[in-house]
């Protein structure tokens, strides 16, 4: 637990215990002395403070030693400590109010026993309360750890799916360029560099968007070598806000794949805007034919959507293009 949570727990215990012991003290006097008077007010405050101190000390010792020693030893310490504070209350009564002896030793003994029972009962209650809180905290921490591990595994799974997808497309590209040796060599060098960068960033949880754009430009260089003037890409804006790696490349791949196979030209527009809470990325091509029902059919789009949602972001098809909102960290 954090220090703030510890302070809140102690605060939630100190006040009710102190008030309860103050109220129990005059009740104790009524039981043993058979009357109530104004003199019980200062006695209640002091005796209540003594009992509160005993309860808090017992809880503190329990918290410090819980899990480090046997429960039998812990409860024995609580009993001995409770008896010590009850005896301290008795000493206070006998010194501060000697007239109490007039009621006999049996009354003093009753006072001691009742004080002991009150301190022990409240101590056990407080220890149980803190023990319950510690169990809840451990359970919550274990659940959060499990969620983080699951999310990390999902990130790695999605990234591992992107790499083979990209590699398959790249090999097809190389086959298409075998007739032009010089261009094939340039593309091969660029492809080698691009594959290395893709493998490096796919192992990371996040990268700056500016780095993602640089990687995308290397990919576009290869595609321009293949399609020439048939492909044009316009990128407006940039940002250093962290995003999932390999975010833009599958979206651009989708635009190229579903347009240049049956048309002579396509222009892709990528617009980047920084908001107060979100980073906005729009990806749209000149045909703007993308629909919501197409997302599940393409591996790249579906994986990208899942990754954005894992980042607590939004992936939306809007006016035939893709709008992405990523929360700023």
Protein backbone atom coordinates (compact mmCIF):
# COMPACT_ATOMS: atom_id res chain seq x y z
CA UNK A 1 0.00 0.00 0.00
CA UNK A 2 1.12 3.56 -0.60
CA UNK A 3 1.86 6.00 2.20
CA UNK A 4 -1.31 7.91 1.35
CA UNK A 5 -3.43 4.78 1.70
CA UNK A 6 -1.72 3.95 5.00
CA UNK A 7 -2.49 7.43 6.34
CA UNK A 8 -6.12 7.09 5.27
CA UNK A 9 -6.44 3.72 6.99
CA UNK A 10 -4.90 4.97 10.23
CA UNK A 11 -7.10 8.05 10.14
CA UNK A 12 -10.18 5.92 9.61
CA UNK A 13 -9.31 3.93 12.75
CA UNK A 14 -7.93 6.49 15.20
CA UNK A 15 -11.01 8.72 15.41
CA UNK A 16 -13.67 6.02 15.97
CA UNK A 17 -11.45 4.12 18.43
CA UNK A 18 -10.72 7.26 20.46
CA UNK A 19 -14.40 8.29 20.54
CA UNK A 20 -15.46 4.75 21.39
CA UNK A 21 -13.03 4.45 24.30
CA UNK A 22 -14.11 7.86 25.63
CA UNK A 23 -17.73 6.72 25.58
CA UNK A 24 -16.90 3.34 27.10
CA UNK A 25 -15.04 4.85 30.05
CA UNK A 26 -18.05 6.56 31.70
CA UNK A 27 -20.05 3.40 30.99
CA UNK A 28 -17.32 1.49 32.80
CA UNK A 29 -17.58 3.84 35.79
CA UNK A 30 -21.35 3.48 35.86
CA UNK A 31 -20.90 -0.27 36.03
CA UNK A 32 -18.29 -0.31 38.80
CA UNK A 33 -19.32 2.80 40.79
CA UNK A 34 -23.09 2.75 40.19
CA UNK A 35 -23.33 6.48 39.45
CA UNK A 36 -22.35 9.15 36.94
CA UNK A 37 -20.89 12.59 37.69
CA UNK A 38 -19.11 15.48 35.92
CA UNK A 39 -15.76 14.24 37.19
CA UNK A 40 -15.95 11.40 34.69
CA UNK A 41 -15.31 13.76 31.76
CA UNK A 42 -11.54 14.34 32.35
CA UNK A 43 -11.17 10.73 33.52
CA UNK A 44 -12.85 9.57 30.30
CA UNK A 45 -10.51 11.67 28.14
CA UNK A 46 -7.35 10.41 29.82
CA UNK A 47 -8.46 6.81 30.09
CA UNK A 48 -9.72 6.90 26.52
CA UNK A 49 -6.31 8.16 25.38
CA UNK A 50 -4.59 5.34 27.25
CA UNK A 51 -6.83 2.70 25.71
CA UNK A 52 -6.51 4.27 22.24
CA UNK A 53 -2.74 4.19 22.55
CA UNK A 54 -2.87 0.53 23.49
CA UNK A 55 -5.13 -0.35 20.56
CA UNK A 56 -3.02 1.56 18.03
CA UNK A 57 0.21 0.04 19.35
CA UNK A 58 -1.25 -3.43 19.05
CA UNK A 59 -2.38 -2.77 15.47
CA UNK A 60 1.01 -1.31 14.58
CA UNK A 61 2.86 -4.31 15.98
CA UNK A 62 0.46 -6.65 14.18
CA UNK A 63 1.08 -4.91 10.86
CA UNK A 64 4.84 -4.91 11.27
CA UNK A 65 5.10 -8.56 12.28
CA UNK A 66 2.24 -10.03 10.25
CA UNK A 67 3.60 -12.72 7.96
CA UNK A 68 7.01 -12.56 9.67
CA UNK A 69 6.16 -14.50 12.82
CA UNK A 70 3.61 -17.04 13.94
CA UNK A 71 0.07 -15.91 14.73
CA UNK A 72 0.28 -17.42 18.22
CA UNK A 73 3.16 -15.10 19.08
CA UNK A 74 1.34 -12.12 17.58
CA UNK A 75 -1.83 -12.70 19.56
CA UNK A 76 0.20 -13.32 22.74
CA UNK A 77 1.90 -9.94 22.25
CA UNK A 78 -1.49 -8.29 21.77
CA UNK A 79 -2.80 -9.85 25.00
CA UNK A 80 0.27 -8.84 27.03
CA UNK A 81 0.23 -5.33 25.55
CA UNK A 82 -3.49 -4.94 26.26
CA UNK A 83 -2.99 -6.04 29.83
CA UNK A 84 -0.12 -3.56 30.20
CA UNK A 85 -2.22 -0.63 29.02
CA UNK A 86 -5.16 -1.75 31.14
CA UNK A 87 -2.78 -1.84 34.11
CA UNK A 88 -1.58 1.63 33.12
CA UNK A 89 -5.17 2.86 33.28
CA UNK A 90 -5.53 1.30 36.70
CA UNK A 91 -2.35 3.03 37.92
CA UNK A 92 -3.71 6.33 36.64
CA UNK A 93 -6.94 5.80 38.59
CA UNK A 94 -5.22 4.80 41.81
CA UNK A 95 -2.79 7.76 41.68
CA UNK A 96 -5.07 10.42 40.29
CA UNK A 97 -8.21 9.34 42.12
CA UNK A 98 -7.21 7.52 45.35
CA UNK A 99 -10.78 7.74 46.65
CA UNK A 100 -11.48 4.87 44.28
CA UNK A 101 -9.97 2.55 46.92
CA UNK A 102 -13.05 3.21 49.01
CA UNK A 103 -14.97 0.90 46.73
CA UNK A 104 -12.67 -2.04 47.48
CA UNK A 105 -10.15 -4.08 45.57
CA UNK A 106 -12.89 -6.04 43.80
CA UNK A 107 -14.00 -2.83 42.07
CA UNK A 108 -10.42 -2.06 41.01
CA UNK A 109 -10.05 -5.59 39.70
CA UNK A 110 -13.31 -5.26 37.75
CA UNK A 111 -12.07 -1.97 36.33
CA UNK A 112 -8.81 -3.67 35.24
CA UNK A 113 -10.57 -6.60 33.62
CA UNK A 114 -13.08 -4.46 31.76
CA UNK A 115 -10.34 -2.15 30.50
CA UNK A 116 -8.35 -5.17 29.35
CA UNK A 117 -11.35 -6.63 27.51
CA UNK A 118 -12.08 -3.33 25.75
CA UNK A 119 -8.48 -2.83 24.60
CA UNK A 120 -8.11 -6.44 23.47
CA UNK A 121 -11.44 -6.47 21.60
CA UNK A 122 -10.76 -3.22 19.76
CA UNK A 123 -7.21 -4.34 18.97
CA UNK A 124 -8.40 -7.59 17.44
CA UNK A 125 -11.05 -5.72 15.48
CA UNK A 126 -8.47 -3.23 14.19
CA UNK A 127 -6.01 -6.00 13.29
CA UNK A 128 -8.75 -7.82 11.41
CA UNK A 129 -9.63 -4.61 9.58
CA UNK A 130 -6.03 -4.03 8.49
CA UNK A 131 -5.56 -7.68 7.60
CA UNK A 132 -8.64 -7.50 5.37
CA UNK A 133 -7.27 -4.35 3.71
CA UNK A 134 -3.90 -6.02 3.09
CA UNK A 135 -5.63 -9.02 1.49
CA UNK A 136 -7.62 -6.68 -0.76
CA UNK A 137 -4.47 -4.75 -1.72
CA UNK A 138 -2.57 -7.92 -2.55
CA UNK A 139 -5.47 -9.22 -4.60
CA UNK A 140 -5.80 -5.90 -6.44
CA UNK A 141 -2.04 -5.77 -7.10
CA UNK A 142 -2.07 -9.33 -8.43
CA UNK A 143 -5.00 -8.52 -10.72
CA UNK A 144 -3.29 -5.39 -12.04
CA UNK A 145 -0.09 -7.34 -12.67
CA UNK A 146 -2.04 -10.03 -14.50
CA UNK A 147 -3.79 -7.42 -16.66
CA UNK A 148 -0.47 -5.77 -17.57
CA UNK A 149 1.08 -9.13 -18.45
CA UNK A 150 -1.94 -10.02 -20.59
CA UNK A 151 -1.80 -6.67 -22.38
CA UNK A 152 1.93 -7.07 -23.01
CA UNK A 153 1.37 -10.54 -24.44
CA UNK A 154 -1.37 -9.18 -26.71
CA UNK A 155 0.92 -6.39 -27.91
CA UNK A 156 3.61 -8.91 -28.78
CA UNK A 157 1.09 -11.13 -30.56
CA UNK A 158 -0.22 -8.24 -32.66
CA UNK A 159 3.29 -7.05 -33.51
CA UNK A 160 4.35 -10.56 -34.48
CA UNK A 161 1.37 -10.70 -36.87
CA UNK A 162 2.35 -7.44 -38.56
CA UNK A 163 5.92 -8.50 -39.36
CA UNK A 164 5.05 -11.63 -41.45
CA UNK A 165 2.30 -9.64 -43.17
CA UNK A 166 4.75 -6.93 -44.18
CA UNK A 167 7.46 -9.43 -45.13
CA UNK A 168 5.07 -11.30 -47.43
CA UNK A 169 4.19 -8.08 -49.27
CA UNK A 170 7.86 -7.08 -49.48
CA UNK A 171 8.85 -10.39 -51.07
CA UNK A 172 6.16 -9.94 -53.69
CA UNK A 173 7.56 -6.49 -54.37
CA UNK A 174 11.07 -7.88 -54.86
CA UNK A 175 9.76 -10.45 -57.35
CA UNK A 176 8.08 -7.70 -59.35
CA UNK A 177 11.39 -5.77 -59.63
CA UNK A 178 13.67 -8.60 -60.78
CA UNK A 179 13.68 -7.32 -64.39
CA UNK A 180 15.34 -4.02 -63.35
CA UNK A 181 18.64 -4.85 -61.62
CA UNK A 182 19.57 -1.32 -60.47
CA UNK A 183 16.16 -0.58 -59.09
CA UNK A 184 16.06 -4.00 -57.47
CA UNK A 185 19.40 -3.30 -55.74
CA UNK A 186 18.17 0.07 -54.42
CA UNK A 187 14.96 -1.49 -53.21
CA UNK A 188 16.83 -4.42 -51.65
CA UNK A 189 19.03 -2.07 -49.63
CA UNK A 190 16.03 -0.01 -48.59
CA UNK A 191 14.06 -3.15 -47.77
CA UNK A 192 16.90 -4.51 -45.62
CA UNK A 193 17.06 -1.24 -43.70
CA UNK A 194 13.29 -1.13 -43.34
CA UNK A 195 13.04 -4.72 -42.11
CA UNK A 196 15.73 -4.03 -39.52
CA UNK A 197 13.84 -0.97 -38.25
CA UNK A 198 10.54 -2.87 -38.21
CA UNK A 199 12.05 -5.67 -36.15
CA UNK A 200 13.62 -3.19 -33.72
CA UNK A 201 10.50 -1.11 -33.08
CA UNK A 202 8.15 -4.11 -32.95
CA UNK A 203 9.86 -5.12 -29.68
CA UNK A 204 9.02 -1.77 -28.10
CA UNK A 205 5.77 -0.79 -26.46
CA UNK A 206 5.83 2.73 -27.89
CA UNK A 207 7.84 5.04 -30.12
CA UNK A 208 7.54 8.77 -30.95
CA UNK A 209 5.22 9.44 -33.87
CA UNK A 210 8.07 11.29 -35.64
CA UNK A 211 10.08 8.04 -35.66
CA UNK A 212 7.04 6.18 -36.98
CA UNK A 213 6.78 8.71 -39.82
CA UNK A 214 10.47 8.29 -40.70
CA UNK A 215 9.97 4.52 -40.94
CA UNK A 216 6.85 5.06 -43.06
CA UNK A 217 8.84 7.25 -45.48
CA UNK A 218 11.36 4.44 -45.97
CA UNK A 219 8.47 2.13 -46.77
CA UNK A 220 7.00 4.66 -49.19
CA UNK A 221 10.35 4.96 -50.96
CA UNK A 222 10.15 1.26 -51.79
CA UNK A 223 6.55 1.50 -52.93
CA UNK A 224 7.32 4.55 -55.08
CA UNK A 225 10.05 2.53 -56.79
CA UNK A 226 7.41 -0.04 -57.63
CA UNK A 227 4.46 2.15 -58.64
CA UNK A 228 6.20 5.37 -59.70
CA UNK A 229 3.84 8.27 -60.47
CA UNK A 230 0.82 6.09 -59.81
CA UNK A 231 1.33 6.63 -56.06
CA UNK A 232 1.44 9.93 -54.21
CA UNK A 233 1.43 10.51 -50.46
CA UNK A 234 0.89 13.81 -48.64
CA UNK A 235 1.83 14.01 -44.93
CA UNK A 236 0.72 17.09 -42.99
CA UNK A 237 1.97 17.64 -39.46
CA UNK A 238 4.19 15.67 -37.12
CA UNK A 239 4.47 14.97 -33.41
CA UNK A 240 6.73 13.38 -30.81
CA UNK A 241 3.80 11.93 -28.84
CA UNK A 242 4.23 8.21 -28.14
CA UNK A 243 2.24 5.78 -30.30
CA UNK A 244 2.24 1.99 -30.81
CA UNK A 245 5.02 0.99 -33.23
CA UNK A 246 4.11 0.05 -36.82
CA UNK A 247 0.90 2.04 -36.61
CA UNK A 248 0.75 3.86 -39.95
CA UNK A 249 2.35 1.32 -42.26
CA UNK A 250 -0.56 -1.19 -42.27
CA UNK A 251 -3.01 1.64 -42.98
CA UNK A 252 -1.01 2.88 -45.96
CA UNK A 253 -0.57 -0.71 -47.18
CA UNK A 254 -4.34 -1.08 -47.14
CA UNK A 255 -4.82 2.07 -49.23
CA UNK A 256 -2.29 0.86 -51.80
CA UNK A 257 -3.54 -2.70 -51.95
CA UNK A 258 -7.22 -1.89 -52.44
CA UNK A 259 -6.75 0.92 -54.98
CA UNK A 260 -3.73 0.38 -57.22
CA UNK A 261 -4.76 -3.13 -58.18
CA UNK A 262 -7.69 -1.78 -60.21
CA UNK A 263 -6.79 1.87 -60.87
CA UNK A 264 -3.98 3.94 -62.41
CA UNK A 265 -3.42 6.42 -59.59
CA UNK A 266 -4.06 6.93 -55.87
CA UNK A 267 -3.17 9.73 -53.50
CA UNK A 268 -2.98 9.09 -49.78
CA UNK A 269 -3.52 11.90 -47.28
CA UNK A 270 -2.10 11.63 -43.75
CA UNK A 271 -3.03 14.46 -41.38
CA UNK A 272 -1.63 14.76 -37.84
CA UNK A 273 -3.04 17.13 -35.22
CA UNK A 274 -2.20 17.50 -31.53
CA UNK A 275 -5.07 18.22 -29.14
CA UNK A 276 -5.08 18.96 -25.43
CA UNK A 277 -5.82 15.35 -24.51
CA UNK A 278 -5.56 13.38 -27.74
CA UNK A 279 -3.37 12.95 -30.78
CA UNK A 280 -5.51 12.85 -33.95
CA UNK A 281 -4.35 10.97 -37.05
CA UNK A 282 -6.41 10.86 -40.26
CA UNK A 283 -5.51 8.47 -43.07
CA UNK A 284 -7.55 8.74 -46.26
CA UNK A 285 -7.02 8.02 -49.93
CA UNK A 286 -8.39 9.82 -52.97
CA UNK A 287 -11.12 7.24 -53.51
CA UNK A 288 -12.43 7.21 -49.90
CA UNK A 289 -14.18 3.87 -50.30
CA UNK A 290 -13.39 2.37 -46.91
CA UNK A 291 -16.39 1.16 -44.90
CA UNK A 292 -16.78 -0.13 -41.35
CA UNK A 293 -17.62 -3.66 -42.54
CA UNK A 294 -14.26 -3.86 -44.35
CA UNK A 295 -12.21 -3.67 -41.15
CA UNK A 296 -12.74 -7.28 -40.11
CA UNK A 297 -11.78 -8.59 -43.53
CA UNK A 298 -8.25 -7.20 -43.57
CA UNK A 299 -5.64 -8.40 -41.13
CA UNK A 300 -3.72 -5.10 -41.05
CA UNK A 301 -6.75 -2.92 -40.26
CA UNK A 302 -8.17 -5.32 -37.68
CA UNK A 303 -4.86 -5.64 -35.83
CA UNK A 304 -4.35 -1.87 -35.88
CA UNK A 305 -7.83 -1.32 -34.47
CA UNK A 306 -7.17 -3.80 -31.66
CA UNK A 307 -3.86 -2.14 -30.81
CA UNK A 308 -5.44 1.32 -30.70
CA UNK A 309 -8.18 0.06 -28.39
CA UNK A 310 -5.55 -1.45 -26.08
CA UNK A 311 -4.08 2.06 -25.83
CA UNK A 312 -7.50 3.30 -24.69
CA UNK A 313 -7.78 5.12 -28.00
CA UNK A 314 -10.41 5.21 -30.74
CA UNK A 315 -10.35 3.78 -34.26
CA UNK A 316 -13.15 5.04 -36.48
CA UNK A 317 -14.09 4.89 -40.14
CA UNK A 318 -15.16 8.38 -41.15
CA UNK A 319 -16.02 9.64 -44.66
CA UNK A 320 -14.25 6.73 -46.31
CA UNK A 321 -11.05 7.18 -44.31
CA UNK A 322 -9.61 6.26 -40.94
CA UNK A 323 -9.63 8.55 -37.92
CA UNK A 324 -7.47 7.60 -34.94
CA UNK A 325 -7.51 9.28 -31.52
CA UNK A 326 -4.69 8.35 -29.16
CA UNK A 327 -4.59 9.69 -25.57
CA UNK A 328 -1.54 11.77 -24.76
CA UNK A 329 0.73 10.33 -22.06
